[in-house]
Amino acid sequence: MIAATLAMWGRPRQAPLATGGFAAALEGLRFLRSSPVLLGVMAIDFVATFFGASMTLMPIFAEEILGVGAGGLGLLYAAPAAGAVAGSIAMSLLPTPRRPGAGVLLAVAAYGACILGFGLSQVVWLSLLLLAGSGPADAVSMAMRHAVRNLLTPDELRGRIAAAHSTFAMGGPQLGEFEAGALAALVGAGPSVALGGLGTLVSAAVVAVAVPGIGRYRLVAPAGLGAEGATPRPSPARGDD
């Protein structure tokens, strides 16, 4: 992080704030409400992490469902992280996607499918493979969400919108772990996780239909530059529908 900070040569001027305190927070919320694409991307982040949370139940999978013990539990915890590293490396090497909104929807759907499959699986290698697949799906979704947020947010509102995004991103997993544990007490750990994956898939479909602008949101190259090597910017329409 220090090296990345030192590599930043440009220092844009700070935009002056016309309001402060509670009024400034309300201004940020009003902007978020008026930007359905941005609000939809944040909402799908919350819903996916709420339904897809399952880390609390991993000891049950390791001991009772897969029978792999403590060593296997470590592998279950490590599999999503290993997949996320691979997905992040791939994202850094591939060209910038022109439709990041559609990328978020597809990545969340893939994440939900992996979680659904993991909840139903009783085979160790398949469970590890599905967990590893959920890692890159989550990493790609996160990268796309942050890209959409940064491109659609004006400079003077960037901090407030980032704070709102953090609330969605941090609240979903914590509440989701509680939901997964409570549901597991009723139907068992496997069905609880499988239902969470199904809920993630359904939520992605609902958001895609409710906010079609997410799927249509595109990046275009600046005027006068070709697509090759051009820095993307939001299209004029910006998906505000």
C-alpha atoms as a PDB file:
ATOM      1  CA  MET A   1       0.000   0.000   0.000  1.00  0.00           C
ATOM      2  CA  ILE A   2       2.867   2.385   0.750  1.00  0.00           C
ATOM      3  CA  ALA A   3       4.466   1.666  -2.630  1.00  0.00           C
ATOM      4  CA  ALA A   4       1.141   2.229  -4.399  1.00  0.00           C
ATOM      5  CA  THR A   5       0.652   5.537  -2.594  1.00  0.00           C
ATOM      6  CA  LEU A   6       4.156   6.745  -3.492  1.00  0.00           C
ATOM      7  CA  ALA A   7       3.485   5.845  -7.136  1.00  0.00           C
ATOM      8  CA  MET A   8       0.586   8.334  -7.319  1.00  0.00           C
ATOM      9  CA  TRP A   9       1.974  11.511  -8.854  1.00  0.00           C
ATOM     10  CA  GLY A  10      -1.275  13.372  -9.444  1.00  0.00           C
ATOM     11  CA  ARG A  11      -2.762  15.269  -6.519  1.00  0.00           C
ATOM     12  CA  PRO A  12      -6.143  16.720  -7.564  1.00  0.00           C
ATOM     13  CA  ARG A  13      -7.483  19.670  -5.609  1.00  0.00           C
ATOM     14  CA  GLN A  14      -9.969  18.843  -2.897  1.00  0.00           C
ATOM     15  CA  ALA A  15     -13.517  19.786  -3.814  1.00  0.00           C
ATOM     16  CA  PRO A  16     -14.969  22.353  -1.362  1.00  0.00           C
ATOM     17  CA  LEU A  17     -17.878  21.156   0.771  1.00  0.00           C
ATOM     18  CA  ALA A  18     -20.980  23.334   0.803  1.00  0.00           C
ATOM     19  CA  THR A  19     -22.499  21.504   3.755  1.00  0.00           C
ATOM     20  CA  GLY A  20     -21.284  19.560   6.731  1.00  0.00           C
ATOM     21  CA  GLY A  21     -22.416  17.254   9.493  1.00  0.00           C
ATOM     22  CA  PHE A  22     -25.854  15.660   9.274  1.00  0.00           C
ATOM     23  CA  ALA A  23     -26.813  17.752   6.255  1.00  0.00           C
ATOM     24  CA  ALA A  24     -23.816  16.434   4.357  1.00  0.00           C
ATOM     25  CA  ALA A  25     -24.792  12.854   5.205  1.00  0.00           C
ATOM     26  CA  LEU A  26     -28.326  13.485   3.947  1.00  0.00           C
ATOM     27  CA  GLU A  27     -26.908  14.928   0.730  1.00  0.00           C
ATOM     28  CA  GLY A  28     -24.990  11.717   0.159  1.00  0.00           C
ATOM     29  CA  LEU A  29     -28.083   9.596   0.824  1.00  0.00           C
ATOM     30  CA  ARG A  30     -30.143  11.715  -1.564  1.00  0.00           C
ATOM     31  CA  PHE A  31     -27.554  11.194  -4.273  1.00  0.00           C
ATOM     32  CA  LEU A  32     -27.547   7.455  -3.615  1.00  0.00           C
ATOM     33  CA  ARG A  33     -31.329   7.344  -3.843  1.00  0.00           C
ATOM     34  CA  SER A  34     -31.234   9.208  -7.163  1.00  0.00           C
ATOM     35  CA  SER A  35     -28.693   6.747  -8.636  1.00  0.00           C
ATOM     36  CA  PRO A  36     -30.525   3.420  -9.062  1.00  0.00           C
ATOM     37  CA  VAL A  37     -27.521   1.713 -10.646  1.00  0.00           C
ATOM     38  CA  LEU A  38     -25.244   2.586  -7.732  1.00  0.00           C
ATOM     39  CA  LEU A  39     -27.894   1.732  -5.138  1.00  0.00           C
ATOM     40  CA  GLY A  40     -28.645  -1.552  -6.916  1.00  0.00           C
ATOM     41  CA  VAL A  41     -24.986  -2.556  -6.968  1.00  0.00           C
ATOM     42  CA  MET A  42     -24.701  -1.878  -3.239  1.00  0.00           C
ATOM     43  CA  ALA A  43     -27.942  -3.739  -2.539  1.00  0.00           C
ATOM     44  CA  ILE A  44     -26.828  -6.843  -4.409  1.00  0.00           C
ATOM     45  CA  ASP A  45     -23.568  -6.743  -2.451  1.00  0.00           C
ATOM     46  CA  PHE A  46     -25.491  -6.769   0.816  1.00  0.00           C
ATOM     47  CA  VAL A  47     -27.911  -9.487  -0.259  1.00  0.00           C
ATOM     48  CA  ALA A  48     -25.199 -11.762  -1.680  1.00  0.00           C
ATOM     49  CA  THR A  49     -23.069 -11.564   1.455  1.00  0.00           C
ATOM     50  CA  PHE A  50     -26.158 -11.961   3.666  1.00  0.00           C
ATOM     51  CA  PHE A  51     -27.429 -15.139   2.018  1.00  0.00           C
ATOM     52  CA  GLY A  52     -24.027 -16.521   1.047  1.00  0.00           C
ATOM     53  CA  ALA A  53     -22.381 -16.261   4.486  1.00  0.00           C
ATOM     54  CA  SER A  54     -21.372 -19.715   5.722  1.00  0.00           C
ATOM     55  CA  MET A  55     -17.981 -19.489   7.462  1.00  0.00           C
ATOM     56  CA  THR A  56     -19.528 -19.996  10.908  1.00  0.00           C
ATOM     57  CA  LEU A  57     -20.842 -23.403   9.831  1.00  0.00           C
ATOM     58  CA  MET A  58     -17.538 -24.732   8.449  1.00  0.00           C
ATOM     59  CA  PRO A  59     -16.680 -26.737  11.609  1.00  0.00           C
ATOM     60  CA  ILE A  60     -19.967 -28.629  11.204  1.00  0.00           C
ATOM     61  CA  PHE A  61     -19.164 -29.411   7.574  1.00  0.00           C
ATOM     62  CA  ALA A  62     -15.645 -30.570   8.491  1.00  0.00           C
ATOM     63  CA  GLU A  63     -16.730 -32.773  11.400  1.00  0.00           C
ATOM     64  CA  GLU A  64     -20.209 -34.072  10.586  1.00  0.00           C
ATOM     65  CA  ILE A  65     -20.795 -33.789   6.827  1.00  0.00           C
ATOM     66  CA  LEU A  66     -17.408 -34.279   5.167  1.00  0.00           C
ATOM     67  CA  GLY A  67     -15.601 -36.017   8.032  1.00  0.00           C
ATOM     68  CA  VAL A  68     -12.241 -34.332   7.405  1.00  0.00           C
ATOM     69  CA  GLY A  69     -11.406 -33.164  10.927  1.00  0.00           C
ATOM     70  CA  ALA A  70      -9.287 -30.171  11.910  1.00  0.00           C
ATOM     71  CA  GLY A  71      -6.914 -30.415   8.947  1.00  0.00           C
ATOM     72  CA  GLY A  72      -9.803 -30.481   6.518  1.00  0.00           C
ATOM     73  CA  LEU A  73     -11.365 -27.518   8.283  1.00  0.00           C
ATOM     74  CA  GLY A  74      -8.240 -25.513   7.509  1.00  0.00           C
ATOM     75  CA  LEU A  75      -8.584 -26.442   3.842  1.00  0.00           C
ATOM     76  CA  LEU A  76     -12.242 -25.407   3.820  1.00  0.00           C
ATOM     77  CA  TYR A  77     -11.310 -22.010   5.230  1.00  0.00           C
ATOM     78  CA  ALA A  78      -8.394 -21.624   2.805  1.00  0.00           C
ATOM     79  CA  ALA A  79     -10.194 -22.630  -0.400  1.00  0.00           C
ATOM     80  CA  PRO A  80     -12.188 -19.383  -0.933  1.00  0.00           C
ATOM     81  CA  ALA A  81      -9.086 -17.299  -0.172  1.00  0.00           C
ATOM     82  CA  ALA A  82      -6.989 -19.261  -2.680  1.00  0.00           C
ATOM     83  CA  GLY A  83      -9.664 -18.796  -5.316  1.00  0.00           C
ATOM     84  CA  ALA A  84      -9.918 -15.078  -4.530  1.00  0.00           C
ATOM     85  CA  VAL A  85      -6.163 -14.623  -5.032  1.00  0.00           C
ATOM     86  CA  ALA A  86      -6.376 -16.380  -8.401  1.00  0.00           C
ATOM     87  CA  GLY A  87      -9.372 -14.265  -9.408  1.00  0.00           C
ATOM     88  CA  SER A  88      -7.655 -11.028  -8.387  1.00  0.00           C
ATOM     89  CA  ILE A  89      -4.554 -11.883 -10.398  1.00  0.00           C
ATOM     90  CA  ALA A  90      -6.691 -12.702 -13.429  1.00  0.00           C
ATOM     91  CA  MET A  91      -8.571  -9.397 -13.069  1.00  0.00           C
ATOM     92  CA  SER A  92      -5.293  -7.478 -12.997  1.00  0.00           C
ATOM     93  CA  LEU A  93      -4.086  -9.130 -16.225  1.00  0.00           C
ATOM     94  CA  LEU A  94      -7.291  -9.068 -18.290  1.00  0.00           C
ATOM     95  CA  PRO A  95      -8.585  -5.983 -20.157  1.00  0.00           C
ATOM     96  CA  THR A  96     -10.994  -3.691 -18.344  1.00  0.00           C
ATOM     97  CA  PRO A  97     -14.548  -5.002 -18.846  1.00  0.00           C
ATOM     98  CA  ARG A  98     -16.783  -2.624 -20.795  1.00  0.00           C
ATOM     99  CA  ARG A  99     -19.891  -3.666 -18.848  1.00  0.00           C
ATOM    100  CA  PRO A 100     -18.951  -3.794 -15.169  1.00  0.00           C
ATOM    101  CA  GLY A 101     -22.579  -3.806 -14.057  1.00  0.00           C
ATOM    102  CA  ALA A 102     -23.281  -6.991 -15.982  1.00  0.00           C
ATOM    103  CA  GLY A 103     -20.037  -8.364 -14.556  1.00  0.00           C
ATOM    104  CA  VAL A 104     -21.338  -7.790 -11.015  1.00  0.00           C
ATOM    105  CA  LEU A 105     -24.574  -9.634 -11.773  1.00  0.00           C
ATOM    106  CA  LEU A 106     -22.794 -12.590 -13.372  1.00  0.00           C
ATOM    107  CA  ALA A 107     -20.196 -12.813 -10.604  1.00  0.00           C
ATOM    108  CA  VAL A 108     -22.859 -12.744  -7.872  1.00  0.00           C
ATOM    109  CA  ALA A 109     -24.830 -15.430  -9.716  1.00  0.00           C
ATOM    110  CA  ALA A 110     -21.683 -17.575  -9.982  1.00  0.00           C
ATOM    111  CA  TYR A 111     -21.013 -17.031  -6.290  1.00  0.00           C
ATOM    112  CA  GLY A 112     -24.530 -18.119  -5.403  1.00  0.00           C
ATOM    113  CA  ALA A 113     -24.261 -21.227  -7.594  1.00  0.00           C
ATOM    114  CA  CYS A 114     -21.001 -22.252  -5.889  1.00  0.00           C
ATOM    115  CA  ILE A 115     -22.479 -21.755  -2.418  1.00  0.00           C
ATOM    116  CA  LEU A 116     -25.596 -23.715  -3.424  1.00  0.00           C
ATOM    117  CA  GLY A 117     -23.466 -26.576  -4.723  1.00  0.00           C
ATOM    118  CA  PHE A 118     -21.288 -26.565  -1.610  1.00  0.00           C
ATOM    119  CA  GLY A 119     -24.324 -26.822   0.654  1.00  0.00           C
ATOM    120  CA  LEU A 120     -25.520 -29.887  -1.262  1.00  0.00           C
ATOM    121  CA  SER A 121     -22.126 -31.572  -1.650  1.00  0.00           C
ATOM    122  CA  GLN A 122     -20.965 -34.409   0.575  1.00  0.00           C
ATOM    123  CA  VAL A 123     -17.742 -35.095  -1.347  1.00  0.00           C
ATOM    124  CA  VAL A 124     -14.574 -33.457  -0.052  1.00  0.00           C
ATOM    125  CA  TRP A 125     -12.876 -32.630  -3.350  1.00  0.00           C
ATOM    126  CA  LEU A 126     -16.105 -31.238  -4.838  1.00  0.00           C
ATOM    127  CA  SER A 127     -16.737 -29.119  -1.759  1.00  0.00           C
ATOM    128  CA  LEU A 128     -13.222 -27.671  -1.921  1.00  0.00           C
ATOM    129  CA  LEU A 129     -13.604 -27.003  -5.638  1.00  0.00           C
ATOM    130  CA  LEU A 130     -16.891 -25.180  -5.142  1.00  0.00           C
ATOM    131  CA  LEU A 131     -15.502 -23.097  -2.287  1.00  0.00           C
ATOM    132  CA  ALA A 132     -12.472 -22.252  -4.415  1.00  0.00           C
ATOM    133  CA  GLY A 133     -14.853 -21.194  -7.191  1.00  0.00           C
ATOM    134  CA  SER A 134     -16.727 -18.880  -4.845  1.00  0.00           C
ATOM    135  CA  GLY A 135     -13.479 -17.003  -4.132  1.00  0.00           C
ATOM    136  CA  PRO A 136     -12.826 -15.581  -7.631  1.00  0.00           C
ATOM    137  CA  ALA A 137     -16.538 -14.890  -8.103  1.00  0.00           C
ATOM    138  CA  ASP A 138     -16.502 -12.790  -4.938  1.00  0.00           C
ATOM    139  CA  ALA A 139     -13.228 -11.075  -5.901  1.00  0.00           C
ATOM    140  CA  VAL A 140     -14.479 -10.184  -9.388  1.00  0.00           C
ATOM    141  CA  SER A 141     -17.781  -8.930  -7.993  1.00  0.00           C
ATOM    142  CA  MET A 142     -15.966  -6.752  -5.462  1.00  0.00           C
ATOM    143  CA  ALA A 143     -13.650  -5.254  -8.089  1.00  0.00           C
ATOM    144  CA  MET A 144     -16.564  -4.462 -10.397  1.00  0.00           C
ATOM    145  CA  ARG A 145     -18.653  -2.969  -7.592  1.00  0.00           C
ATOM    146  CA  HIS A 146     -15.863  -0.631  -6.579  1.00  0.00           C
ATOM    147  CA  ALA A 147     -15.311   0.367 -10.211  1.00  0.00           C
ATOM    148  CA  VAL A 148     -18.983   1.259 -10.668  1.00  0.00           C
ATOM    149  CA  ARG A 149     -19.068   3.156  -7.377  1.00  0.00           C
ATOM    150  CA  ASN A 150     -15.968   5.218  -8.135  1.00  0.00           C
ATOM    151  CA  LEU A 151     -17.046   6.044 -11.678  1.00  0.00           C
ATOM    152  CA  LEU A 152     -20.581   7.100 -10.795  1.00  0.00           C
ATOM    153  CA  THR A 153     -19.765   9.116  -7.651  1.00  0.00           C
ATOM    154  CA  PRO A 154     -18.844  12.826  -7.898  1.00  0.00           C
ATOM    155  CA  ASP A 155     -15.605  13.792  -6.173  1.00  0.00           C
ATOM    156  CA  GLU A 156     -17.339  15.871  -3.502  1.00  0.00           C
ATOM    157  CA  LEU A 157     -19.507  12.889  -2.437  1.00  0.00           C
ATOM    158  CA  ARG A 158     -16.891  10.170  -2.713  1.00  0.00           C
ATOM    159  CA  GLY A 159     -16.222   9.771   1.017  1.00  0.00           C
ATOM    160  CA  ARG A 160     -19.887   9.648   1.989  1.00  0.00           C
ATOM    161  CA  ILE A 161     -20.786   7.119  -0.702  1.00  0.00           C
ATOM    162  CA  ALA A 162     -17.775   4.994   0.246  1.00  0.00           C
ATOM    163  CA  ALA A 163     -19.023   5.019   3.858  1.00  0.00           C
ATOM    164  CA  ALA A 164     -22.473   3.889   2.741  1.00  0.00           C
ATOM    165  CA  HIS A 165     -20.892   1.145   0.637  1.00  0.00           C
ATOM    166  CA  SER A 166     -18.867  -0.027   3.634  1.00  0.00           C
ATOM    167  CA  THR A 167     -22.062  -0.264   5.681  1.00  0.00           C
ATOM    168  CA  PHE A 168     -23.595  -2.550   3.055  1.00  0.00           C
ATOM    169  CA  ALA A 169     -20.423  -4.611   2.612  1.00  0.00           C
ATOM    170  CA  MET A 170     -19.700  -5.103   6.333  1.00  0.00           C
ATOM    171  CA  GLY A 171     -23.273  -5.481   7.547  1.00  0.00           C
ATOM    172  CA  GLY A 172     -24.256  -8.217   5.101  1.00  0.00           C
ATOM    173  CA  PRO A 173     -21.728 -10.899   6.141  1.00  0.00           C
ATOM    174  CA  GLN A 174     -22.183 -10.344   9.881  1.00  0.00           C
ATOM    175  CA  LEU A 175     -25.970 -10.509   9.723  1.00  0.00           C
ATOM    176  CA  GLY A 176     -25.687 -13.398   7.264  1.00  0.00           C
ATOM    177  CA  GLU A 177     -23.647 -15.516   9.653  1.00  0.00           C
ATOM    178  CA  PHE A 178     -26.391 -15.090  12.248  1.00  0.00           C
ATOM    179  CA  GLU A 179     -29.030 -16.011   9.668  1.00  0.00           C
ATOM    180  CA  ALA A 180     -27.071 -19.090   8.552  1.00  0.00           C
ATOM    181  CA  GLY A 181     -26.654 -20.323  12.142  1.00  0.00           C
ATOM    182  CA  ALA A 182     -30.298 -19.750  13.022  1.00  0.00           C
ATOM    183  CA  LEU A 183     -31.484 -21.546   9.887  1.00  0.00           C
ATOM    184  CA  ALA A 184     -29.005 -24.387  10.439  1.00  0.00           C
ATOM    185  CA  ALA A 185     -30.542 -24.973  13.870  1.00  0.00           C
ATOM    186  CA  LEU A 186     -33.869 -25.608  12.120  1.00  0.00           C
ATOM    187  CA  VAL A 187     -32.965 -27.496   8.929  1.00  0.00           C
ATOM    188  CA  GLY A 188     -29.291 -28.458   9.307  1.00  0.00           C
ATOM    189  CA  ALA A 189     -26.030 -26.925   8.110  1.00  0.00           C
ATOM    190  CA  GLY A 190     -26.091 -28.280   4.556  1.00  0.00           C
ATOM    191  CA  PRO A 191     -29.648 -27.170   3.701  1.00  0.00           C
ATOM    192  CA  SER A 192     -29.012 -23.805   5.386  1.00  0.00           C
ATOM    193  CA  VAL A 193     -26.023 -23.067   3.132  1.00  0.00           C
ATOM    194  CA  ALA A 194     -27.797 -24.437   0.048  1.00  0.00           C
ATOM    195  CA  LEU A 195     -30.814 -22.210   0.689  1.00  0.00           C
ATOM    196  CA  GLY A 196     -28.446 -19.262   1.120  1.00  0.00           C
ATOM    197  CA  GLY A 197     -26.886 -19.953  -2.271  1.00  0.00           C
ATOM    198  CA  LEU A 198     -30.335 -20.220  -3.820  1.00  0.00           C
ATOM    199  CA  GLY A 199     -31.319 -16.945  -2.181  1.00  0.00           C
ATOM    200  CA  THR A 200     -28.233 -15.293  -3.688  1.00  0.00           C
ATOM    201  CA  LEU A 201     -29.152 -16.543  -7.167  1.00  0.00           C
ATOM    202  CA  VAL A 202     -32.738 -15.353  -6.847  1.00  0.00           C
ATOM    203  CA  SER A 203     -31.603 -11.973  -5.489  1.00  0.00           C
ATOM    204  CA  ALA A 204     -29.255 -11.449  -8.445  1.00  0.00           C
ATOM    205  CA  ALA A 205     -32.124 -12.179 -10.837  1.00  0.00           C
ATOM    206  CA  VAL A 206     -34.501  -9.843  -8.969  1.00  0.00           C
ATOM    207  CA  VAL A 207     -31.996  -6.961  -8.958  1.00  0.00           C
ATOM    208  CA  ALA A 208     -31.223  -7.507 -12.656  1.00  0.00           C
ATOM    209  CA  VAL A 209     -34.937  -7.189 -13.494  1.00  0.00           C
ATOM    210  CA  ALA A 210     -35.704  -4.387 -11.023  1.00  0.00           C
ATOM    211  CA  VAL A 211     -32.708  -2.244 -12.073  1.00  0.00           C
ATOM    212  CA  PRO A 212     -32.049  -2.988 -15.776  1.00  0.00           C
ATOM    213  CA  GLY A 213     -29.606  -0.102 -15.918  1.00  0.00           C
ATOM    214  CA  ILE A 214     -27.040  -2.227 -14.056  1.00  0.00           C
ATOM    215  CA  GLY A 215     -26.762  -4.672 -16.931  1.00  0.00           C
ATOM    216  CA  ARG A 216     -26.743  -1.880 -19.532  1.00  0.00           C
ATOM    217  CA  TYR A 217     -24.110   0.264 -17.802  1.00  0.00           C
ATOM    218  CA  ARG A 218     -21.082   0.561 -20.084  1.00  0.00           C
ATOM    219  CA  LEU A 219     -17.620   2.076 -20.159  1.00  0.00           C
ATOM    220  CA  VAL A 220     -16.460   3.874 -23.290  1.00  0.00           C
ATOM    221  CA  ALA A 221     -13.035   5.128 -24.335  1.00  0.00           C
ATOM    222  CA  PRO A 222     -12.386   8.896 -24.179  1.00  0.00           C
ATOM    223  CA  ALA A 223     -13.090  10.781 -27.392  1.00  0.00           C
ATOM    224  CA  GLY A 224     -10.251  10.648 -29.879  1.00  0.00           C
ATOM    225  CA  LEU A 225      -8.671   7.516 -28.448  1.00  0.00           C
ATOM    226  CA  GLY A 226      -8.977   3.980 -29.657  1.00  0.00           C
ATOM    227  CA  ALA A 227     -10.219   1.167 -27.502  1.00  0.00           C
ATOM    228  CA  GLU A 228      -6.746  -0.296 -27.213  1.00  0.00           C
ATOM    229  CA  GLY A 229      -5.021   1.076 -24.140  1.00  0.00           C
ATOM    230  CA  ALA A 230      -7.646   3.751 -23.557  1.00  0.00           C
ATOM    231  CA  THR A 231      -8.641   4.661 -20.041  1.00  0.00           C
ATOM    232  CA  PRO A 232     -12.340   3.849 -19.661  1.00  0.00           C
ATOM    233  CA  ARG A 233     -14.879   6.403 -18.524  1.00  0.00           C
ATOM    234  CA  PRO A 234     -18.613   6.145 -17.937  1.00  0.00           C
ATOM    235  CA  SER A 235     -20.824   6.436 -21.003  1.00  0.00           C
ATOM    236  CA  PRO A 236     -22.931   9.615 -21.136  1.00  0.00           C
ATOM    237  CA  ALA A 237     -26.077   7.689 -20.240  1.00  0.00           C
ATOM    238  CA  ARG A 238     -24.330   6.289 -17.141  1.00  0.00           C
ATOM    239  CA  GLY A 239     -27.085   3.765 -16.628  1.00  0.00           C
ATOM    240  CA  ASP A 240     -29.212   6.172 -14.581  1.00  0.00           C
ATOM    241  CA  ASP A 241     -32.361   4.365 -15.666  1.00  0.00           C
END
